[in-house]
Amino acid sequence: MPVLLLSAVDAERRGLPGLSVGVGVVPAGIATARLLASERPSAVVLVGTAGAYAGGPPIGAVVAARRVGLVSGTATLGLGYVPLPPPPVAADPDLLRRLSLPEADVACLVAITTDPALATAIGASWQVEHMEAYGVAAACAAAGVAFAVVLGITNVVGPSAHAEWLANREACQDAAAGAVARLVGGR
């Protein structure tokens, strides 16, 4: 199998062939590790929707992750620390070239950020927030499988994010799936 298309939920693939890994970094990482063992793809592309931090890509944009990092809101605000934080994982340069999309640095958190101060603090180092990307990236890195992440930007990270996501998700899912269709052999 050349490229395996993954998404958190089926709707994000917009009819393209692929598999769902679940919502959240841990379920996505576990599911991806299992799929890598059973499907043995040469590469993985995760497609979905995401929020942008202030100054990041605009709503409606489709971006490819240049690197994906696991971020702790608690540590970012100085309310705790991570003793050995896992390093960010870089996307495969060949897949990025083939996708030919604007690139962004993607933070993966356990929860969606709604606090403006936290969004500002995380946004100082990252441009986009997504919930599953690091789980998929870490599983691929551990297995030596090339990966890329393609995201339609539905909202600005913060208190209005959910309402913006609801208003923009269909169009952004279509745009993100369209951006990967040629690469994964879809429409």
Protein backbone atom coordinates (compact mmCIF):
# COMPACT_ATOMS: atom_id res chain seq x y z
CA MET A 1 0.00 0.00 0.00
CA PRO A 2 1.65 3.27 -1.05
CA VAL A 3 -0.05 6.01 1.03
CA LEU A 4 -2.52 5.34 3.83
CA LEU A 5 -5.00 8.18 4.42
CA LEU A 6 -6.06 8.64 8.03
CA SER A 7 -8.49 10.97 9.76
CA ALA A 8 -9.89 11.34 13.26
CA VAL A 9 -13.40 10.54 11.97
CA ASP A 10 -14.69 9.28 8.62
CA ALA A 11 -16.34 12.60 7.66
CA GLU A 12 -12.96 14.32 7.44
CA ARG A 13 -11.93 12.14 4.48
CA ARG A 14 -15.00 13.26 2.47
CA GLY A 15 -15.42 9.87 0.80
CA LEU A 16 -11.75 9.22 0.12
CA PRO A 17 -10.55 5.71 0.99
CA GLY A 18 -8.80 5.48 4.32
CA LEU A 19 -9.30 4.77 7.99
CA SER A 20 -10.25 6.65 11.16
CA VAL A 21 -7.99 6.78 14.21
CA GLY A 22 -10.32 8.40 16.77
CA VAL A 23 -10.37 11.76 18.50
CA GLY A 24 -7.43 12.82 20.65
CA VAL A 25 -3.69 12.30 20.72
CA VAL A 26 -3.68 9.01 22.66
CA PRO A 27 -6.41 7.17 20.71
CA ALA A 28 -4.89 8.42 17.43
CA GLY A 29 -1.41 7.22 18.39
CA ILE A 30 -2.60 3.79 19.48
CA ALA A 31 -4.80 3.30 16.42
CA THR A 32 -2.04 4.47 14.07
CA ALA A 33 0.50 2.08 15.61
CA ARG A 34 -1.93 -0.81 15.10
CA LEU A 35 -2.69 0.25 11.52
CA LEU A 36 0.99 0.59 10.65
CA ALA A 37 1.55 -2.98 11.82
CA SER A 38 -1.44 -4.42 9.94
CA GLU A 39 -1.51 -2.29 6.77
CA ARG A 40 2.26 -1.73 6.30
CA PRO A 41 1.96 1.49 4.27
CA SER A 42 4.97 3.23 2.79
CA ALA A 43 3.58 6.58 3.96
CA VAL A 44 0.72 8.05 5.98
CA VAL A 45 -1.22 11.25 5.43
CA LEU A 46 -3.51 12.52 8.20
CA VAL A 47 -6.26 14.84 6.99
CA GLY A 48 -8.57 16.95 9.14
CA THR A 49 -9.53 20.35 10.44
CA ALA A 50 -7.71 22.61 12.88
CA GLY A 51 -7.63 25.99 14.55
CA ALA A 52 -5.06 28.71 13.91
CA TYR A 53 -3.43 30.82 16.58
CA ALA A 54 -3.53 34.59 16.09
CA GLY A 55 -1.24 35.48 13.19
CA GLY A 56 -1.42 31.93 11.80
CA PRO A 57 -3.11 30.83 8.58
CA PRO A 58 -6.53 32.35 7.84
CA ILE A 59 -9.82 30.51 8.17
CA GLY A 60 -10.39 28.56 4.95
CA ALA A 61 -6.70 27.93 4.30
CA VAL A 62 -5.33 24.41 3.83
CA VAL A 63 -1.88 23.79 5.29
CA ALA A 64 0.58 20.94 5.66
CA ALA A 65 2.34 20.46 8.98
CA ARG A 66 6.06 21.20 8.75
CA ARG A 67 6.53 19.81 12.26
CA VAL A 68 4.20 18.55 14.95
CA GLY A 69 4.77 18.98 18.68
CA LEU A 70 3.07 17.75 21.83
CA VAL A 71 2.29 20.79 23.99
CA SER A 72 1.16 21.02 27.61
CA GLY A 73 -1.05 23.98 28.44
CA THR A 74 -0.11 23.57 32.10
CA ALA A 75 3.61 23.80 31.34
CA THR A 76 3.10 26.63 28.84
CA LEU A 77 1.46 28.74 31.57
CA GLY A 78 4.19 27.86 34.07
CA LEU A 79 1.78 25.90 36.27
CA GLY A 80 3.73 22.67 35.95
CA TYR A 81 6.56 21.11 33.99
CA VAL A 82 7.20 18.17 31.74
CA PRO A 83 10.39 16.39 32.91
CA LEU A 84 11.35 14.96 29.50
CA PRO A 85 9.19 16.56 26.83
CA PRO A 86 9.02 14.58 23.62
CA PRO A 87 10.65 16.40 20.71
CA PRO A 88 8.63 17.74 17.78
CA VAL A 89 8.40 15.40 14.80
CA ALA A 90 9.17 16.74 11.32
CA ALA A 91 6.95 15.76 8.41
CA ASP A 92 8.48 13.91 5.47
CA PRO A 93 10.04 16.46 3.08
CA ASP A 94 9.13 14.45 -0.04
CA LEU A 95 5.47 14.30 0.98
CA LEU A 96 5.51 18.03 1.74
CA ARG A 97 6.98 18.71 -1.69
CA ARG A 98 4.36 16.53 -3.38
CA LEU A 99 1.54 18.21 -1.46
CA SER A 100 2.81 21.68 -2.39
CA LEU A 101 0.80 23.44 0.33
CA PRO A 102 1.68 26.30 2.67
CA GLU A 103 3.42 24.85 5.73
CA ALA A 104 2.73 25.48 9.41
CA ASP A 105 4.02 24.30 12.78
CA VAL A 106 1.27 22.30 14.52
CA ALA A 107 0.80 22.01 18.29
CA CYS A 108 -1.10 19.00 19.56
CA LEU A 109 -2.84 19.29 22.91
CA VAL A 110 -5.03 16.99 24.98
CA ALA A 111 -7.84 19.58 25.08
CA ILE A 112 -9.00 22.33 22.74
CA THR A 113 -7.67 25.69 23.89
CA THR A 114 -10.41 28.19 24.75
CA ASP A 115 -8.51 30.54 27.08
CA PRO A 116 -7.18 33.65 25.29
CA ALA A 117 -4.05 33.89 27.48
CA LEU A 118 -3.16 30.25 26.85
CA ALA A 119 -3.82 30.66 23.11
CA THR A 120 -1.46 33.65 23.03
CA ALA A 121 1.24 31.77 24.94
CA ILE A 122 1.10 28.67 22.73
CA GLY A 123 0.73 30.79 19.60
CA ALA A 124 4.11 32.39 20.30
CA SER A 125 5.76 29.13 19.15
CA TRP A 126 3.12 27.39 17.04
CA GLN A 127 0.77 28.46 14.24
CA VAL A 128 -1.91 25.76 14.31
CA GLU A 129 -3.62 23.61 16.96
CA HIS A 130 -4.82 20.07 16.29
CA MET A 131 -5.72 17.14 18.56
CA GLU A 132 -4.53 13.99 16.76
CA ALA A 133 -1.45 15.00 14.76
CA TYR A 134 1.21 14.19 17.35
CA GLY A 135 -0.17 10.72 18.05
CA VAL A 136 -0.04 9.89 14.34
CA ALA A 137 3.37 11.54 13.86
CA ALA A 138 4.94 9.76 16.84
CA ALA A 139 3.61 6.36 15.76
CA CYS A 140 4.94 6.91 12.22
CA ALA A 141 8.33 8.10 13.49
CA ALA A 142 8.65 5.06 15.77
CA ALA A 143 7.84 2.74 12.86
CA GLY A 144 10.05 4.56 10.34
CA VAL A 145 7.08 5.45 8.12
CA ALA A 146 6.94 8.77 6.27
CA PHE A 147 4.04 11.00 7.30
CA ALA A 148 2.34 14.27 6.49
CA VAL A 149 -0.58 16.14 8.02
CA VAL A 150 -3.01 18.22 5.93
CA LEU A 151 -5.43 20.50 7.76
CA GLY A 152 -8.24 22.82 6.76
CA ILE A 153 -8.28 25.85 9.07
CA THR A 154 -11.80 26.23 10.49
CA ASN A 155 -11.32 28.68 13.34
CA VAL A 156 -9.12 30.95 15.39
CA VAL A 157 -8.01 29.26 18.62
CA GLY A 158 -9.86 30.74 21.58
CA PRO A 159 -13.32 31.22 23.08
CA SER A 160 -15.21 31.38 19.74
CA ALA A 161 -13.45 28.37 18.22
CA HIS A 162 -16.31 25.88 18.51
CA ALA A 163 -18.86 28.15 16.85
CA GLU A 164 -16.40 28.95 14.06
CA TRP A 165 -15.58 25.25 13.63
CA LEU A 166 -19.27 24.42 13.28
CA ALA A 167 -19.74 27.16 10.68
CA ASN A 168 -16.65 26.25 8.62
CA ARG A 169 -15.99 22.54 9.04
CA GLU A 170 -17.81 21.25 5.93
CA ALA A 171 -16.03 23.60 3.53
CA CYS A 172 -12.67 23.05 5.23
CA GLN A 173 -13.08 19.27 5.22
CA ASP A 174 -13.81 19.44 1.49
CA ALA A 175 -10.77 21.64 0.86
CA ALA A 176 -8.38 19.49 2.92
CA ALA A 177 -9.61 16.24 1.34
CA GLY A 178 -9.30 17.83 -2.11
CA ALA A 179 -5.69 18.75 -1.35
CA VAL A 180 -4.75 15.11 -0.64
CA ALA A 181 -6.94 13.34 -3.22
CA ARG A 182 -4.29 13.15 -5.95
CA LEU A 183 -1.62 11.97 -3.53
CA VAL A 184 -3.70 9.11 -2.13
CA GLY A 185 -5.33 8.05 -5.39
CA GLY A 186 -8.77 9.53 -4.80
CA ARG A 187 -10.92 11.76 -6.97
